[in-house]
Amino acid sequence: MRNYKNEYKKYQGTATQKKNRASRNAARNTLKKAGIVKKGDGKDVNHRNGNPRDNSAKNLSVTTKRANRSFPRNSRAGKDNGNTRASKK
């Protein structure tokens, strides 16, 4: 059985992950204020370079939840654009 309390304590509750989560929320709020996304629209705000703290306009895009959450990851947990050795395995 999954222990959510322990999971939060060991990973999601760390200072780094709290900052990453706050930055993701800030990115969505930025696009919400610009009228690009709306509450309940079924879309995710995608950080193109995989860095949740890089909220520059050129790094943000809107994608479907399915596309954003199933994007291949490389060994450094960044987004893999298909050009690395890890993606060719």
PDB file of N, CA and C in Angstrom:
ATOM      1  N   MET A   1       0.840  -1.181   0.000  1.00  0.00           N
ATOM      2  CA  MET A   1       0.000   0.000   0.000  1.00  0.00           C
ATOM      3  C   MET A   1       0.888   1.249   0.000  1.00  0.00           C
ATOM      4  N   ARG A   2       0.505   2.207  -0.754  1.00  0.00           N
ATOM      5  CA  ARG A   2       1.289   3.429  -0.898  1.00  0.00           C
ATOM      6  C   ARG A   2       1.163   4.300   0.351  1.00  0.00           C
ATOM      7  N   ASN A   3       2.295   4.777   0.847  1.00  0.00           N
ATOM      8  CA  ASN A   3       2.324   5.612   2.043  1.00  0.00           C
ATOM      9  C   ASN A   3       2.540   7.065   1.620  1.00  0.00           C
ATOM     10  N   TYR A   4       1.452   7.799   1.435  1.00  0.00           N
ATOM     11  CA  TYR A   4       1.523   9.166   0.930  1.00  0.00           C
ATOM     12  C   TYR A   4       2.217  10.110   1.904  1.00  0.00           C
ATOM     13  N   LYS A   5       1.992   9.911   3.182  1.00  0.00           N
ATOM     14  CA  LYS A   5       2.605  10.772   4.195  1.00  0.00           C
ATOM     15  C   LYS A   5       4.121  10.654   4.140  1.00  0.00           C
ATOM     16  N   ASN A   6       4.605   9.442   4.037  1.00  0.00           N
ATOM     17  CA  ASN A   6       6.041   9.204   3.962  1.00  0.00           C
ATOM     18  C   ASN A   6       6.611   9.728   2.642  1.00  0.00           C
ATOM     19  N   GLU A   7       5.869   9.558   1.571  1.00  0.00           N
ATOM     20  CA  GLU A   7       6.291  10.045   0.262  1.00  0.00           C
ATOM     21  C   GLU A   7       6.440  11.566   0.272  1.00  0.00           C
ATOM     22  N   TYR A   8       5.495  12.259   0.890  1.00  0.00           N
ATOM     23  CA  TYR A   8       5.563  13.710   0.978  1.00  0.00           C
ATOM     24  C   TYR A   8       6.769  14.127   1.809  1.00  0.00           C
ATOM     25  N   LYS A   9       6.957  13.451   2.922  1.00  0.00           N
ATOM     26  CA  LYS A   9       8.052  13.800   3.823  1.00  0.00           C
ATOM     27  C   LYS A   9       9.416  13.626   3.151  1.00  0.00           C
ATOM     28  N   LYS A  10       9.563  12.558   2.384  1.00  0.00           N
ATOM     29  CA  LYS A  10      10.868  12.252   1.793  1.00  0.00           C
ATOM     30  C   LYS A  10      11.132  12.963   0.467  1.00  0.00           C
ATOM     31  N   TYR A  11      10.092  13.284  -0.287  1.00  0.00           N
ATOM     32  CA  TYR A  11      10.340  13.868  -1.609  1.00  0.00           C
ATOM     33  C   TYR A  11       9.563  15.158  -1.849  1.00  0.00           C
ATOM     34  N   GLN A  12       8.244  15.077  -1.842  1.00  0.00           N
ATOM     35  CA  GLN A  12       7.427  16.228  -2.213  1.00  0.00           C
ATOM     36  C   GLN A  12       7.517  17.377  -1.220  1.00  0.00           C
ATOM     37  N   GLY A  13       7.887  17.081   0.012  1.00  0.00           N
ATOM     38  CA  GLY A  13       7.964  18.110   1.036  1.00  0.00           C
ATOM     39  C   GLY A  13       9.325  18.765   1.164  1.00  0.00           C
ATOM     40  N   THR A  14      10.277  18.357   0.326  1.00  0.00           N
ATOM     41  CA  THR A  14      11.602  18.965   0.407  1.00  0.00           C
ATOM     42  C   THR A  14      11.557  20.390  -0.139  1.00  0.00           C
ATOM     43  N   ALA A  15      12.485  21.204   0.288  1.00  0.00           N
ATOM     44  CA  ALA A  15      12.511  22.608  -0.122  1.00  0.00           C
ATOM     45  C   ALA A  15      12.600  22.759  -1.639  1.00  0.00           C
ATOM     46  N   THR A  16      13.415  21.933  -2.274  1.00  0.00           N
ATOM     47  CA  THR A  16      13.580  22.001  -3.725  1.00  0.00           C
ATOM     48  C   THR A  16      12.274  21.709  -4.445  1.00  0.00           C
ATOM     49  N   GLN A  17      11.577  20.654  -4.031  1.00  0.00           N
ATOM     50  CA  GLN A  17      10.326  20.288  -4.695  1.00  0.00           C
ATOM     51  C   GLN A  17       9.224  21.302  -4.430  1.00  0.00           C
ATOM     52  N   LYS A  18       9.228  21.915  -3.255  1.00  0.00           N
ATOM     53  CA  LYS A  18       8.239  22.970  -2.972  1.00  0.00           C
ATOM     54  C   LYS A  18       8.460  24.161  -3.898  1.00  0.00           C
ATOM     55  N   LYS A  19       9.730  24.518  -4.130  1.00  0.00           N
ATOM     56  CA  LYS A  19      10.040  25.633  -5.027  1.00  0.00           C
ATOM     57  C   LYS A  19       9.659  25.295  -6.466  1.00  0.00           C
ATOM     58  N   ASN A  20       9.921  24.058  -6.882  1.00  0.00           N
ATOM     59  CA  ASN A  20       9.541  23.636  -8.231  1.00  0.00           C
ATOM     60  C   ASN A  20       8.025  23.695  -8.418  1.00  0.00           C
ATOM     61  N   ARG A  21       7.286  23.218  -7.414  1.00  0.00           N
ATOM     62  CA  ARG A  21       5.819  23.227  -7.491  1.00  0.00           C
ATOM     63  C   ARG A  21       5.290  24.659  -7.543  1.00  0.00           C
ATOM     64  N   ALA A  22       5.869  25.538  -6.724  1.00  0.00           N
ATOM     65  CA  ALA A  22       5.444  26.938  -6.709  1.00  0.00           C
ATOM     66  C   ALA A  22       5.710  27.594  -8.066  1.00  0.00           C
ATOM     67  N   SER A  23       6.829  27.241  -8.685  1.00  0.00           N
ATOM     68  CA  SER A  23       7.170  27.796  -9.985  1.00  0.00           C
ATOM     69  C   SER A  23       6.221  27.290 -11.074  1.00  0.00           C
ATOM     70  N   ARG A  24       5.846  26.005 -11.008  1.00  0.00           N
ATOM     71  CA  ARG A  24       4.873  25.470 -11.971  1.00  0.00           C
ATOM     72  C   ARG A  24       3.526  26.178 -11.825  1.00  0.00           C
ATOM     73  N   ASN A  25       3.110  26.394 -10.581  1.00  0.00           N
ATOM     74  CA  ASN A  25       1.849  27.100 -10.336  1.00  0.00           C
ATOM     75  C   ASN A  25       1.920  28.537 -10.846  1.00  0.00           C
ATOM     76  N   ALA A  26       3.069  29.180 -10.656  1.00  0.00           N
ATOM     77  CA  ALA A  26       3.246  30.555 -11.131  1.00  0.00           C
ATOM     78  C   ALA A  26       3.177  30.615 -12.653  1.00  0.00           C
ATOM     79  N   ALA A  27       3.739  29.618 -13.331  1.00  0.00           N
ATOM     80  CA  ALA A  27       3.704  29.580 -14.793  1.00  0.00           C
ATOM     81  C   ALA A  27       2.262  29.484 -15.283  1.00  0.00           C
ATOM     82  N   ARG A  28       1.484  28.612 -14.656  1.00  0.00           N
ATOM     83  CA  ARG A  28       0.084  28.469 -15.068  1.00  0.00           C
ATOM     84  C   ARG A  28      -0.682  29.760 -14.802  1.00  0.00           C
ATOM     85  N   ASN A  29      -0.429  30.383 -13.648  1.00  0.00           N
ATOM     86  CA  ASN A  29      -1.124  31.634 -13.318  1.00  0.00           C
ATOM     87  C   ASN A  29      -0.764  32.744 -14.298  1.00  0.00           C
ATOM     88  N   THR A  30       0.467  32.776 -14.758  1.00  0.00           N
ATOM     89  CA  THR A  30       0.885  33.767 -15.749  1.00  0.00           C
ATOM     90  C   THR A  30       0.085  33.607 -17.035  1.00  0.00           C
ATOM     91  N   LEU A  31      -0.030  32.358 -17.508  1.00  0.00           N
ATOM     92  CA  LEU A  31      -0.786  32.119 -18.744  1.00  0.00           C
ATOM     93  C   LEU A  31      -2.288  32.290 -18.530  1.00  0.00           C
ATOM     94  N   LYS A  32      -2.730  32.053 -17.302  1.00  0.00           N
ATOM     95  CA  LYS A  32      -4.159  32.252 -17.005  1.00  0.00           C
ATOM     96  C   LYS A  32      -4.505  33.746 -17.081  1.00  0.00           C
ATOM     97  N   LYS A  33      -3.629  34.584 -16.526  1.00  0.00           N
ATOM     98  CA  LYS A  33      -3.860  36.031 -16.572  1.00  0.00           C
ATOM     99  C   LYS A  33      -3.807  36.565 -17.991  1.00  0.00           C
ATOM    100  N   ALA A  34      -2.995  35.925 -18.837  1.00  0.00           N
ATOM    101  CA  ALA A  34      -2.890  36.338 -20.237  1.00  0.00           C
ATOM    102  C   ALA A  34      -4.068  35.827 -21.065  1.00  0.00           C
ATOM    103  N   GLY A  35      -4.909  34.971 -20.480  1.00  0.00           N
ATOM    104  CA  GLY A  35      -6.081  34.450 -21.172  1.00  0.00           C
ATOM    105  C   GLY A  35      -5.781  33.267 -22.079  1.00  0.00           C
ATOM    106  N   ILE A  36      -4.604  32.679 -21.927  1.00  0.00           N
ATOM    107  CA  ILE A  36      -4.214  31.559 -22.786  1.00  0.00           C
ATOM    108  C   ILE A  36      -4.781  30.235 -22.288  1.00  0.00           C
ATOM    109  N   VAL A  37      -4.834  30.055 -20.976  1.00  0.00           N
ATOM    110  CA  VAL A  37      -5.439  28.859 -20.386  1.00  0.00           C
ATOM    111  C   VAL A  37      -6.547  29.282 -19.432  1.00  0.00           C
ATOM    112  N   LYS A  38      -7.443  28.358 -19.160  1.00  0.00           N
ATOM    113  CA  LYS A  38      -8.545  28.613 -18.229  1.00  0.00           C
ATOM    114  C   LYS A  38      -8.660  27.453 -17.268  1.00  0.00           C
ATOM    115  N   LYS A  39      -9.270  27.700 -16.152  1.00  0.00           N
ATOM    116  CA  LYS A  39      -9.500  26.647 -15.173  1.00  0.00           C
ATOM    117  C   LYS A  39     -10.397  25.576 -15.782  1.00  0.00           C
ATOM    118  N   GLY A  40      -9.973  24.320 -15.645  1.00  0.00           N
ATOM    119  CA  GLY A  40     -10.777  23.209 -16.137  1.00  0.00           C
ATOM    120  C   GLY A  40     -10.717  22.983 -17.632  1.00  0.00           C
ATOM    121  N   ASP A  41      -9.742  23.573 -18.321  1.00  0.00           N
ATOM    122  CA  ASP A  41      -9.672  23.421 -19.774  1.00  0.00           C
ATOM    123  C   ASP A  41      -9.000  22.125 -20.220  1.00  0.00           C
ATOM    124  N   GLY A  42      -8.462  21.354 -19.277  1.00  0.00           N
ATOM    125  CA  GLY A  42      -7.838  20.085 -19.615  1.00  0.00           C
ATOM    126  C   GLY A  42      -6.457  20.221 -20.230  1.00  0.00           C
ATOM    127  N   LYS A  43      -5.859  21.383 -20.100  1.00  0.00           N
ATOM    128  CA  LYS A  43      -4.541  21.636 -20.685  1.00  0.00           C
ATOM    129  C   LYS A  43      -3.487  21.758 -19.581  1.00  0.00           C
ATOM    130  N   ASP A  44      -2.237  21.468 -19.949  1.00  0.00           N
ATOM    131  CA  ASP A  44      -1.097  21.649 -19.061  1.00  0.00           C
ATOM    132  C   ASP A  44      -0.196  22.730 -19.631  1.00  0.00           C
ATOM    133  N   VAL A  45       0.500  23.406 -18.746  1.00  0.00           N
ATOM    134  CA  VAL A  45       1.528  24.347 -19.177  1.00  0.00           C
ATOM    135  C   VAL A  45       2.826  23.557 -19.256  1.00  0.00           C
ATOM    136  N   ASN A  46       3.410  23.535 -20.426  1.00  0.00           N
ATOM    137  CA  ASN A  46       4.604  22.746 -20.698  1.00  0.00           C
ATOM    138  C   ASN A  46       5.841  23.625 -20.604  1.00  0.00           C
ATOM    139  N   HIS A  47       6.839  23.180 -19.827  1.00  0.00           N
ATOM    140  CA  HIS A  47       8.148  23.831 -19.812  1.00  0.00           C
ATOM    141  C   HIS A  47       8.989  23.113 -20.864  1.00  0.00           C
ATOM    142  N   ARG A  48       9.268  23.770 -21.952  1.00  0.00           N
ATOM    143  CA  ARG A  48       9.924  23.126 -23.091  1.00  0.00           C
ATOM    144  C   ARG A  48      11.272  22.516 -22.745  1.00  0.00           C
ATOM    145  N   ASN A  49      12.054  23.183 -21.892  1.00  0.00           N
ATOM    146  CA  ASN A  49      13.380  22.657 -21.571  1.00  0.00           C
ATOM    147  C   ASN A  49      13.371  21.742 -20.348  1.00  0.00           C
ATOM    148  N   GLY A  50      12.219  21.506 -19.753  1.00  0.00           N
ATOM    149  CA  GLY A  50      12.114  20.599 -18.616  1.00  0.00           C
ATOM    150  C   GLY A  50      12.459  21.224 -17.285  1.00  0.00           C
ATOM    151  N   ASN A  51      12.839  22.486 -17.269  1.00  0.00           N
ATOM    152  CA  ASN A  51      13.196  23.173 -16.028  1.00  0.00           C
ATOM    153  C   ASN A  51      11.979  23.919 -15.499  1.00  0.00           C
ATOM    154  N   PRO A  52      11.375  23.443 -14.401  1.00  0.00           N
ATOM    155  CA  PRO A  52      10.156  24.084 -13.905  1.00  0.00           C
ATOM    156  C   PRO A  52      10.377  25.502 -13.373  1.00  0.00           C
ATOM    157  N   ARG A  53      11.620  25.876 -13.147  1.00  0.00           N
ATOM    158  CA  ARG A  53      11.881  27.229 -12.636  1.00  0.00           C
ATOM    159  C   ARG A  53      12.139  28.245 -13.737  1.00  0.00           C
ATOM    160  N   ASP A  54      12.196  27.796 -14.979  1.00  0.00           N
ATOM    161  CA  ASP A  54      12.400  28.699 -16.106  1.00  0.00           C
ATOM    162  C   ASP A  54      11.037  29.070 -16.679  1.00  0.00           C
ATOM    163  N   ASN A  55      10.483  30.177 -16.210  1.00  0.00           N
ATOM    164  CA  ASN A  55       9.156  30.603 -16.631  1.00  0.00           C
ATOM    165  C   ASN A  55       9.195  31.698 -17.689  1.00  0.00           C
ATOM    166  N   SER A  56      10.266  31.739 -18.483  1.00  0.00           N
ATOM    167  CA  SER A  56      10.337  32.729 -19.559  1.00  0.00           C
ATOM    168  C   SER A  56       9.292  32.380 -20.616  1.00  0.00           C
ATOM    169  N   ALA A  57       8.818  33.386 -21.305  1.00  0.00           N
ATOM    170  CA  ALA A  57       7.758  33.199 -22.297  1.00  0.00           C
ATOM    171  C   ALA A  57       8.160  32.210 -23.386  1.00  0.00           C
ATOM    172  N   LYS A  58       9.422  32.227 -23.793  1.00  0.00           N
ATOM    173  CA  LYS A  58       9.863  31.321 -24.857  1.00  0.00           C
ATOM    174  C   LYS A  58       9.915  29.866 -24.394  1.00  0.00           C
ATOM    175  N   ASN A  59       9.916  29.626 -23.088  1.00  0.00           N
ATOM    176  CA  ASN A  59       9.999  28.266 -22.566  1.00  0.00           C
ATOM    177  C   ASN A  59       8.629  27.664 -22.248  1.00  0.00           C
ATOM    178  N   LEU A  60       7.585  28.469 -22.251  1.00  0.00           N
ATOM    179  CA  LEU A  60       6.255  27.977 -21.887  1.00  0.00           C
ATOM    180  C   LEU A  60       5.388  27.748 -23.119  1.00  0.00           C
ATOM    181  N   SER A  61       4.657  26.654 -23.090  1.00  0.00           N
ATOM    182  CA  SER A  61       3.674  26.384 -24.133  1.00  0.00           C
ATOM    183  C   SER A  61       2.507  25.638 -23.500  1.00  0.00           C
ATOM    184  N   VAL A  62       1.402  25.579 -24.207  1.00  0.00           N
ATOM    185  CA  VAL A  62       0.214  24.893 -23.713  1.00  0.00           C
ATOM    186  C   VAL A  62       0.046  23.603 -24.500  1.00  0.00           C
ATOM    187  N   THR A  63      -0.097  22.494 -23.778  1.00  0.00           N
ATOM    188  CA  THR A  63      -0.282  21.197 -24.410  1.00  0.00           C
ATOM    189  C   THR A  63      -1.414  20.459 -23.710  1.00  0.00           C
ATOM    190  N   THR A  64      -1.825  19.360 -24.311  1.00  0.00           N
ATOM    191  CA  THR A  64      -2.807  18.521 -23.638  1.00  0.00           C
ATOM    192  C   THR A  64      -2.117  17.840 -22.456  1.00  0.00           C
ATOM    193  N   LYS A  65      -2.883  17.443 -21.470  1.00  0.00           N
ATOM    194  CA  LYS A  65      -2.314  16.737 -20.322  1.00  0.00           C
ATOM    195  C   LYS A  65      -1.608  15.468 -20.773  1.00  0.00           C
ATOM    196  N   ARG A  66      -2.236  14.759 -21.692  1.00  0.00           N
ATOM    197  CA  ARG A  66      -1.670  13.493 -22.152  1.00  0.00           C
ATOM    198  C   ARG A  66      -0.301  13.692 -22.798  1.00  0.00           C
ATOM    199  N   ALA A  67      -0.177  14.697 -23.646  1.00  0.00           N
ATOM    200  CA  ALA A  67       1.094  14.944 -24.332  1.00  0.00           C
ATOM    201  C   ALA A  67       2.176  15.386 -23.349  1.00  0.00           C
ATOM    202  N   ASN A  68       1.828  16.232 -22.406  1.00  0.00           N
ATOM    203  CA  ASN A  68       2.826  16.763 -21.473  1.00  0.00           C
ATOM    204  C   ASN A  68       3.275  15.718 -20.466  1.00  0.00           C
ATOM    205  N   ARG A  69       2.376  14.901 -19.992  1.00  0.00           N
ATOM    206  CA  ARG A  69       2.714  13.955 -18.930  1.00  0.00           C
ATOM    207  C   ARG A  69       3.299  12.650 -19.459  1.00  0.00           C
ATOM    208  N   SER A  70       3.246  12.423 -20.750  1.00  0.00           N
ATOM    209  CA  SER A  70       3.814  11.203 -21.298  1.00  0.00           C
ATOM    210  C   SER A  70       5.064  11.491 -22.127  1.00  0.00           C
ATOM    211  N   PHE A  71       5.593  12.688 -22.009  1.00  0.00           N
ATOM    212  CA  PHE A  71       6.778  13.071 -22.763  1.00  0.00           C
ATOM    213  C   PHE A  71       7.972  12.250 -22.296  1.00  0.00           C
ATOM    214  N   PRO A  72       8.777  11.695 -23.198  1.00  0.00           N
ATOM    215  CA  PRO A  72       9.916  10.876 -22.774  1.00  0.00           C
ATOM    216  C   PRO A  72      10.921  11.679 -21.969  1.00  0.00           C
ATOM    217  N   ARG A  73      11.466  11.076 -20.963  1.00  0.00           N
ATOM    218  CA  ARG A  73      12.455  11.725 -20.096  1.00  0.00           C
ATOM    219  C   ARG A  73      13.813  11.080 -20.327  1.00  0.00           C
ATOM    220  N   ASN A  74      14.858  11.840 -20.123  1.00  0.00           N
ATOM    221  CA  ASN A  74      16.191  11.255 -20.246  1.00  0.00           C
ATOM    222  C   ASN A  74      16.742  10.946 -18.848  1.00  0.00           C
ATOM    223  N   SER A  75      17.985  10.512 -18.768  1.00  0.00           N
ATOM    224  CA  SER A  75      18.560  10.068 -17.498  1.00  0.00           C
ATOM    225  C   SER A  75      18.722  11.207 -16.498  1.00  0.00           C
ATOM    226  N   ARG A  76      18.713  12.443 -16.963  1.00  0.00           N
ATOM    227  CA  ARG A  76      18.826  13.583 -16.049  1.00  0.00           C
ATOM    228  C   ARG A  76      17.459  14.132 -15.655  1.00  0.00           C
ATOM    229  N   ALA A  77      16.415  13.435 -16.008  1.00  0.00           N
ATOM    230  CA  ALA A  77      15.032  13.799 -15.692  1.00  0.00           C
ATOM    231  C   ALA A  77      14.597  15.072 -16.401  1.00  0.00           C
ATOM    232  N   GLY A  78      15.275  15.441 -17.455  1.00  0.00           N
ATOM    233  CA  GLY A  78      14.854  16.570 -18.270  1.00  0.00           C
ATOM    234  C   GLY A  78      14.068  16.050 -19.456  1.00  0.00           C
ATOM    235  N   LYS A  79      13.493  16.930 -20.214  1.00  0.00           N
ATOM    236  CA  LYS A  79      12.742  16.481 -21.386  1.00  0.00           C
ATOM    237  C   LYS A  79      13.721  16.051 -22.468  1.00  0.00           C
ATOM    238  N   ASP A  80      13.399  14.972 -23.114  1.00  0.00           N
ATOM    239  CA  ASP A  80      14.253  14.389 -24.134  1.00  0.00           C
ATOM    240  C   ASP A  80      13.664  14.701 -25.501  1.00  0.00           C
ATOM    241  N   ASN A  81      14.421  15.400 -26.324  1.00  0.00           N
ATOM    242  CA  ASN A  81      13.906  15.775 -27.637  1.00  0.00           C
ATOM    243  C   ASN A  81      14.165  14.720 -28.704  1.00  0.00           C
ATOM    244  N   GLY A  82      14.693  13.549 -28.296  1.00  0.00           N
ATOM    245  CA  GLY A  82      14.911  12.472 -29.240  1.00  0.00           C
ATOM    246  C   GLY A  82      16.308  12.436 -29.835  1.00  0.00           C
ATOM    247  N   ASN A  83      17.155  13.383 -29.482  1.00  0.00           N
ATOM    248  CA  ASN A  83      18.490  13.444 -30.052  1.00  0.00           C
ATOM    249  C   ASN A  83      19.572  12.871 -29.152  1.00  0.00           C
ATOM    250  N   THR A  84      19.239  12.372 -28.000  1.00  0.00           N
ATOM    251  CA  THR A  84      20.239  11.855 -27.077  1.00  0.00           C
ATOM    252  C   THR A  84      20.334  10.343 -27.185  1.00  0.00           C
ATOM    253  N   ARG A  85      21.411   9.798 -26.665  1.00  0.00           N
ATOM    254  CA  ARG A  85      21.616   8.358 -26.685  1.00  0.00           C
ATOM    255  C   ARG A  85      20.531   7.637 -25.867  1.00  0.00           C
ATOM    256  N   ALA A  86      20.097   8.249 -24.769  1.00  0.00           N
ATOM    257  CA  ALA A  86      19.091   7.617 -23.896  1.00  0.00           C
ATOM    258  C   ALA A  86      17.775   7.397 -24.652  1.00  0.00           C
ATOM    259  N   SER A  87      17.449   8.274 -25.593  1.00  0.00           N
ATOM    260  CA  SER A  87      16.179   8.140 -26.306  1.00  0.00           C
ATOM    261  C   SER A  87      16.228   7.054 -27.380  1.00  0.00           C
ATOM    262  N   LYS A  88      17.435   6.632 -27.772  1.00  0.00           N
ATOM    263  CA  LYS A  88      17.569   5.650 -28.841  1.00  0.00           C
ATOM    264  C   LYS A  88      17.646   4.235 -28.348  1.00  0.00           C
ATOM    265  N   LYS A  89      17.523   4.027 -27.049  1.00  0.00           N
ATOM    266  CA  LYS A  89      17.574   2.678 -26.464  1.00  0.00           C
ATOM    267  C   LYS A  89      16.267   1.964 -26.645  1.00  0.00           C
TER     268      LYS A  89
END
